[in-house]
Amino acid sequence: MTFTAAVSGASGYAGGELLRLLANHPDIEVGAITAHSSAGSALGALQPHLHALADRVLQDTTPEVLAGHDVVFLALPHGASAEIAAQLPPDTLVIDAGADHRLQDPAAWERFYGSAHAGTWPYGLPELPGHRSDLRGARRIAVPGCYPTSVLLALAPGFSAGLLEPDDVVVVSASGTSGAGKAAKPNLLGSEVMGGMSPYGVGGGHRHTPEMEQGLSMAAGERVSLSFTPTLAPMARGILTTATAKVRPGVGSTALRDAWGKAYADEPFVRVLPEGQWPATKSVVGSNHAQLQLAFDEHAGRVIVSCVIDNLTKGTAGGAIQSMNIALGLDEARGLTSQGIAP
């Protein structure tokens, strides 16, 4: 059976990545391709790497254009998805790659995003305990943020197994510039980014913080608080997250490694690397794969977990398609690859 899929925000990085993957999905026919300010342009002028779709003309992003498809992907800025999603038929599978439907706490949404909360949809990170079953047959799915994807994959096994303390969690992540979107910004110019790194959103101000705390708290069964510092790295794609947490008394390296190994033993897109091998962002470029490694700092009583993902694939579009596959009853890995690109 073939399903039709519409993609909004097709002129941006996330929308382009969705189309790259959907164009090779054996069960998907790409339908309407939409944008806002770029409506009327040929896709090939904005996404020249999408050869098979280059002659398609972008339509305006309206509910009328998006309706009538089996699947609608909303790759829109935060605050823009909810109004459109509310006007789409209830039997349409709507997958929001933006932030509008991720958070459960309206107060957290209003504090970090400054608008009314639009409600909460099933969360599209099937590797988290219990989430895969929530996605089966779902008709509304919220795709996680790219940073939360890496952080939750890094730490959820330890919290689910009851091995980690819920306070004093510290996360530092480095992201490629595509995570900031395609809009022109002076701080993202090549001459500004090349040859250096810089932090931003320091001091608890990054919008993904409550999403991380929400996911880890669900895994732990109690409130988890964390300090998150994102940094900008001189690369186009990729996230390297280093997350640390205190271990509970009596927990050692064997218990930690067993917990992570058990959590991801059967996951098609997450791999805990052999001891002594550490993940690198270049190993997952273009793939829906996450690589992890962990170590126990006995002196500090902390576990350190490094996780790498491609922020546009596993961190956005690949995770969206993985969730779509589950919702539609397809093989979870359909149309996706866990193989990276090298060199």
Protein backbone atom coordinates (compact mmCIF):
# COMPACT_ATOMS: atom_id res chain seq x y z
CA MET A 1 0.00 0.00 0.00
CA THR A 2 1.24 3.48 -0.88
CA PHE A 3 0.58 6.48 1.37
CA THR A 4 0.61 10.10 0.27
CA ALA A 5 2.60 12.61 2.31
CA ALA A 6 2.64 16.41 2.28
CA VAL A 7 5.58 18.39 3.65
CA SER A 8 5.28 21.95 4.90
CA GLY A 9 8.30 24.16 5.47
CA ALA A 10 9.96 22.48 2.50
CA SER A 11 12.38 25.35 1.88
CA GLY A 12 14.09 24.86 5.25
CA TYR A 13 16.67 22.36 6.43
CA ALA A 14 14.22 20.09 8.27
CA GLY A 15 11.74 20.14 5.39
CA GLY A 16 14.49 19.40 2.91
CA GLU A 17 15.71 16.47 4.98
CA LEU A 18 12.18 15.09 5.20
CA LEU A 19 11.87 15.23 1.43
CA ARG A 20 15.29 13.61 0.93
CA LEU A 21 14.21 10.63 3.01
CA LEU A 22 10.62 10.44 1.74
CA ALA A 23 11.77 10.49 -1.90
CA ASN A 24 13.44 7.12 -1.27
CA HIS A 25 10.72 5.63 0.94
CA PRO A 26 9.16 2.67 -0.89
CA ASP A 27 5.71 3.17 0.62
CA ILE A 28 5.38 6.95 0.29
CA GLU A 29 4.31 9.13 -2.60
CA VAL A 30 5.29 12.77 -2.04
CA GLY A 31 2.27 15.01 -2.49
CA ALA A 32 2.02 18.72 -1.77
CA ILE A 33 5.26 20.54 -0.96
CA THR A 34 4.63 23.85 0.74
CA ALA A 35 6.35 26.91 2.15
CA HIS A 36 5.37 30.44 3.04
CA SER A 37 7.61 33.18 1.68
CA SER A 38 9.05 30.80 -0.94
CA ALA A 39 5.68 29.73 -2.35
CA GLY A 40 5.73 29.78 -6.14
CA SER A 41 9.42 28.86 -6.36
CA ALA A 42 10.73 25.63 -7.85
CA LEU A 43 12.02 23.31 -5.15
CA GLY A 44 15.23 22.75 -7.10
CA ALA A 45 16.15 26.43 -6.73
CA LEU A 46 16.05 26.10 -2.92
CA GLN A 47 16.99 22.45 -2.38
CA PRO A 48 19.24 21.64 -5.38
CA HIS A 49 20.26 18.28 -3.91
CA LEU A 50 16.70 16.93 -4.26
CA HIS A 51 17.02 15.96 -7.92
CA ALA A 52 13.89 13.80 -8.14
CA LEU A 53 11.70 16.65 -6.89
CA ALA A 54 13.55 19.61 -8.40
CA ASP A 55 10.75 20.62 -10.80
CA ARG A 56 8.04 20.63 -8.13
CA VAL A 57 6.64 24.09 -7.31
CA LEU A 58 6.17 25.10 -3.70
CA GLN A 59 2.59 25.87 -2.73
CA ASP A 60 1.44 28.09 0.11
CA THR A 61 1.14 26.39 3.50
CA THR A 62 -2.61 26.24 4.11
CA PRO A 63 -4.89 23.59 5.61
CA GLU A 64 -6.65 23.30 2.25
CA VAL A 65 -3.43 22.39 0.44
CA LEU A 66 -2.29 19.96 3.13
CA ALA A 67 -5.64 18.20 3.59
CA GLY A 68 -6.37 15.08 1.58
CA HIS A 69 -3.04 13.40 2.29
CA ASP A 70 -2.54 10.34 4.44
CA VAL A 71 0.38 12.00 6.25
CA VAL A 72 1.21 15.67 6.81
CA PHE A 73 4.61 16.76 8.11
CA LEU A 74 4.75 20.21 9.69
CA ALA A 75 8.33 21.49 9.59
CA LEU A 76 7.46 24.96 10.80
CA PRO A 77 8.84 27.41 13.38
CA HIS A 78 7.55 27.06 16.96
CA GLY A 79 4.09 28.52 17.36
CA ALA A 80 3.17 28.02 13.70
CA SER A 81 2.06 24.37 13.67
CA ALA A 82 -0.83 24.35 16.12
CA GLU A 83 -3.25 26.52 14.16
CA ILE A 84 -2.76 24.54 10.95
CA ALA A 85 -2.87 21.16 12.70
CA ALA A 86 -6.17 22.03 14.36
CA GLN A 87 -7.76 22.45 10.91
CA LEU A 88 -6.61 19.11 9.49
CA PRO A 89 -8.91 16.04 9.50
CA PRO A 90 -8.68 13.83 12.60
CA ASP A 91 -7.93 10.74 10.51
CA THR A 92 -4.87 12.38 8.91
CA LEU A 93 -1.54 11.42 10.47
CA VAL A 94 -0.06 14.80 11.41
CA ILE A 95 3.59 14.81 12.48
CA ASP A 96 4.81 18.06 14.00
CA ALA A 97 8.56 18.52 13.69
CA GLY A 98 8.24 21.81 15.58
CA ALA A 99 7.91 22.36 19.31
CA ASP A 100 4.20 23.12 19.60
CA HIS A 101 2.97 19.78 20.95
CA ARG A 102 5.97 18.35 22.86
CA LEU A 103 5.52 19.71 26.37
CA GLN A 104 2.97 18.46 28.87
CA ASP A 105 3.21 21.44 31.25
CA PRO A 106 1.42 24.56 29.92
CA ALA A 107 3.37 26.76 32.33
CA ALA A 108 6.69 25.50 30.97
CA TRP A 109 5.53 26.14 27.41
CA GLU A 110 4.39 29.68 28.21
CA ARG A 111 7.61 30.47 30.09
CA PHE A 112 9.95 29.35 27.29
CA TYR A 113 7.85 30.08 24.20
CA GLY A 114 5.64 32.97 25.29
CA SER A 115 2.32 31.85 23.81
CA ALA A 116 -0.69 29.71 24.72
CA HIS A 117 -0.08 25.97 25.07
CA ALA A 118 -1.55 23.98 22.17
CA GLY A 119 -1.78 20.61 23.93
CA THR A 120 0.37 17.50 24.06
CA TRP A 121 0.72 14.78 21.43
CA PRO A 122 2.38 11.33 21.63
CA TYR A 123 6.14 11.81 21.71
CA GLY A 124 8.06 10.52 18.71
CA LEU A 125 11.07 8.92 20.39
CA PRO A 126 10.20 5.20 20.34
CA GLU A 127 13.40 4.19 22.14
CA LEU A 128 12.06 5.65 25.39
CA PRO A 129 10.20 3.13 27.59
CA GLY A 130 6.50 2.92 26.71
CA HIS A 131 6.62 5.38 23.84
CA ARG A 132 6.62 2.89 20.97
CA SER A 133 3.20 1.57 21.99
CA ASP A 134 1.86 5.14 22.18
CA LEU A 135 2.84 5.68 18.55
CA ARG A 136 1.08 2.63 17.12
CA GLY A 137 -2.04 3.85 15.35
CA ALA A 138 -1.51 7.45 16.51
CA ARG A 139 -2.81 10.24 14.30
CA ARG A 140 -0.94 13.08 15.99
CA ILE A 141 2.80 12.85 16.81
CA ALA A 142 5.22 15.41 18.25
CA VAL A 143 8.79 14.95 17.04
CA PRO A 144 11.36 15.59 19.78
CA GLY A 145 13.83 18.43 19.59
CA CYS A 146 17.29 17.53 18.31
CA TYR A 147 19.08 18.27 21.57
CA PRO A 148 16.50 16.37 23.67
CA THR A 149 16.81 13.37 21.33
CA SER A 150 20.52 13.10 22.11
CA VAL A 151 20.13 13.82 25.82
CA LEU A 152 17.25 11.41 26.39
CA LEU A 153 18.98 8.62 24.50
CA ALA A 154 22.11 9.29 26.55
CA LEU A 155 20.58 9.20 30.03
CA ALA A 156 17.16 7.50 29.97
CA PRO A 157 18.51 3.94 30.50
CA GLY A 158 20.19 4.92 33.76
CA PHE A 159 17.11 6.66 35.11
CA SER A 160 14.77 3.87 33.98
CA ALA A 161 16.95 1.36 35.83
CA GLY A 162 16.97 3.47 39.00
CA LEU A 163 20.75 3.89 38.92
CA LEU A 164 21.01 7.70 38.82
CA GLU A 165 20.29 10.54 41.22
CA PRO A 166 17.61 12.92 39.92
CA ASP A 167 19.46 16.14 40.73
CA ASP A 168 22.80 17.58 39.61
CA VAL A 169 22.47 16.36 36.02
CA VAL A 170 24.79 18.36 33.77
CA VAL A 171 24.65 18.33 29.97
CA VAL A 172 26.88 20.09 27.44
CA SER A 173 26.06 19.69 23.73
CA ALA A 174 27.78 20.87 20.58
CA SER A 175 25.63 21.32 17.50
CA GLY A 176 26.23 22.07 13.86
CA THR A 177 24.89 25.32 12.47
CA SER A 178 21.97 23.70 10.62
CA GLY A 179 20.28 23.35 14.00
CA ALA A 180 19.63 27.10 13.95
CA GLY A 181 17.62 26.88 10.72
CA LYS A 182 18.16 28.35 7.27
CA ALA A 183 17.36 32.00 7.95
CA ALA A 184 20.32 34.31 7.46
CA LYS A 185 21.89 35.34 10.80
CA PRO A 186 25.18 37.23 11.24
CA ASN A 187 26.46 34.87 13.96
CA LEU A 188 26.04 31.91 11.59
CA LEU A 189 28.10 33.34 8.74
CA GLY A 190 30.93 31.07 7.70
CA SER A 191 33.53 33.65 8.72
CA GLU A 192 31.99 33.84 12.19
CA VAL A 193 31.67 30.08 12.75
CA MET A 194 34.76 28.61 11.14
CA GLY A 195 37.70 27.97 13.43
CA GLY A 196 35.91 28.40 16.73
CA MET A 197 33.16 27.34 19.10
CA SER A 198 30.84 29.41 21.25
CA PRO A 199 28.15 28.78 23.89
CA TYR A 200 24.64 30.20 23.80
CA GLY A 201 21.45 29.86 25.83
CA VAL A 202 23.60 29.65 28.97
CA GLY A 203 22.08 29.61 32.44
CA GLY A 204 18.97 27.54 31.83
CA GLY A 205 17.62 29.70 29.03
CA HIS A 206 17.48 27.18 26.19
CA ARG A 207 13.95 26.19 25.15
CA HIS A 208 14.76 22.49 25.03
CA THR A 209 15.54 22.31 28.77
CA PRO A 210 11.98 21.57 29.95
CA GLU A 211 11.61 18.91 27.25
CA MET A 212 14.72 17.14 28.50
CA GLU A 213 13.56 17.31 32.10
CA GLN A 214 10.12 16.03 31.09
CA GLY A 215 11.51 12.96 29.32
CA LEU A 216 14.04 12.08 31.99
CA SER A 217 11.45 12.56 34.74
CA MET A 218 9.13 10.13 32.99
CA ALA A 219 11.96 7.60 32.70
CA ALA A 220 12.92 8.02 36.36
CA GLY A 221 9.42 8.12 37.82
CA GLU A 222 10.41 11.24 39.78
CA ARG A 223 11.36 14.83 39.11
CA VAL A 224 14.73 15.21 37.36
CA SER A 225 16.44 18.60 37.09
CA LEU A 226 19.34 19.40 34.84
CA SER A 227 21.68 22.16 33.74
CA PHE A 228 22.04 22.39 29.96
CA THR A 229 24.63 24.35 28.01
CA PRO A 230 24.49 24.26 24.19
CA THR A 231 27.46 25.26 22.06
CA LEU A 232 27.81 26.04 18.38
CA ALA A 233 30.38 23.97 16.50
CA PRO A 234 31.97 24.74 13.10
CA MET A 235 30.16 22.00 11.18
CA ALA A 236 26.93 21.88 9.20
CA ARG A 237 25.39 18.75 10.74
CA GLY A 238 25.68 16.79 13.94
CA ILE A 239 25.29 16.91 17.69
CA LEU A 240 27.78 15.69 20.26
CA THR A 241 26.17 15.53 23.70
CA THR A 242 28.13 14.81 26.85
CA ALA A 243 25.79 14.16 29.78
CA THR A 244 26.76 13.39 33.35
CA ALA A 245 24.77 12.37 36.41
CA LYS A 246 25.50 11.17 39.94
CA VAL A 247 25.09 7.43 40.44
CA ARG A 248 23.27 6.06 43.45
CA PRO A 249 25.29 4.50 46.29
CA GLY A 250 26.64 1.06 45.43
CA VAL A 251 26.28 1.46 41.66
CA GLY A 252 29.39 0.64 39.66
CA SER A 253 30.57 0.42 36.07
CA THR A 254 29.23 -3.11 35.49
CA ALA A 255 25.68 -2.20 36.50
CA LEU A 256 25.81 0.94 34.38
CA ARG A 257 27.05 -0.81 31.26
CA ASP A 258 24.53 -3.61 31.72
CA ALA A 259 21.66 -1.10 31.96
CA TRP A 260 22.59 0.71 28.75
CA GLY A 261 23.32 -2.52 26.92
CA LYS A 262 19.98 -4.02 27.89
CA ALA A 263 18.06 -0.86 27.00
CA TYR A 264 19.40 -0.71 23.46
CA ALA A 265 20.14 -4.36 22.65
CA ASP A 266 17.22 -4.64 20.22
CA GLU A 267 17.02 -1.06 19.00
CA PRO A 268 17.68 -0.72 15.26
CA PHE A 269 18.98 2.85 15.44
CA VAL A 270 20.93 3.07 18.71
CA ARG A 271 24.29 1.43 19.36
CA VAL A 272 26.38 1.36 22.50
CA LEU A 273 29.94 1.17 21.23
CA PRO A 274 32.49 -1.35 22.52
CA GLU A 275 34.43 -0.21 25.55
CA GLY A 276 37.26 2.12 24.64
CA GLN A 277 35.62 3.39 21.44
CA TRP A 278 34.06 6.86 21.61
CA PRO A 279 31.45 8.28 19.23
CA ALA A 280 32.18 10.90 16.59
CA THR A 281 29.63 13.04 14.77
CA LYS A 282 31.06 12.16 11.36
CA SER A 283 30.08 8.51 11.94
CA VAL A 284 26.34 9.28 11.86
CA VAL A 285 26.08 11.97 9.18
CA GLY A 286 23.06 11.34 6.97
CA SER A 287 21.85 8.39 9.06
CA ASN A 288 19.04 7.78 11.54
CA HIS A 289 21.58 6.29 13.91
CA ALA A 290 22.72 7.27 17.40
CA GLN A 291 26.03 6.12 18.83
CA LEU A 292 26.72 6.06 22.58
CA GLN A 293 29.55 5.41 24.95
CA LEU A 294 29.66 5.65 28.73
CA ALA A 295 32.23 5.66 31.48
CA PHE A 296 32.06 5.62 35.27
CA ASP A 297 34.06 8.33 37.00
CA GLU A 298 34.55 6.60 40.32
CA HIS A 299 36.32 9.60 41.86
CA ALA A 300 33.38 11.91 41.18
CA GLY A 301 30.70 9.23 41.55
CA ARG A 302 29.26 10.11 38.15
CA VAL A 303 28.42 8.40 34.90
CA ILE A 304 29.51 10.21 31.75
CA VAL A 305 27.65 9.41 28.54
CA SER A 306 28.55 10.73 25.11
CA CYS A 307 25.95 10.51 22.34
CA VAL A 308 26.18 11.58 18.71
CA ILE A 309 23.36 12.03 16.22
CA ASP A 310 22.78 13.84 12.96
CA ASN A 311 20.55 16.69 14.15
CA LEU A 312 18.63 16.78 10.85
CA THR A 313 18.12 13.02 10.56
CA LYS A 314 17.73 11.18 13.88
CA GLY A 315 17.27 14.58 15.52
CA THR A 316 14.38 15.64 13.26
CA ALA A 317 13.37 14.14 9.91
CA GLY A 318 14.57 10.58 10.45
CA GLY A 319 12.89 10.43 13.84
CA ALA A 320 9.70 11.76 12.24
CA ILE A 321 9.71 9.05 9.56
CA GLN A 322 10.58 6.35 12.09
CA SER A 323 7.53 7.44 14.09
CA MET A 324 5.39 7.58 10.94
CA ASN A 325 6.36 4.01 10.10
CA ILE A 326 5.23 2.82 13.52
CA ALA A 327 1.97 4.76 13.36
CA LEU A 328 1.14 3.34 9.92
CA GLY A 329 2.03 -0.23 10.88
CA LEU A 330 5.08 -0.36 8.62
CA ASP A 331 8.47 -1.79 9.49
CA GLU A 332 10.07 0.79 11.77
CA ALA A 333 13.23 1.00 9.66
CA ARG A 334 11.41 1.36 6.34
CA GLY A 335 13.02 4.04 4.18
CA LEU A 336 15.74 4.76 6.74
CA THR A 337 19.37 3.86 7.11
CA SER A 338 21.59 3.38 10.12
CA GLN A 339 24.71 3.67 7.97
CA GLY A 340 26.69 6.88 8.08
CA ILE A 341 28.76 8.53 5.37
CA ALA A 342 32.56 8.57 5.44
CA PRO A 343 35.00 10.17 5.06
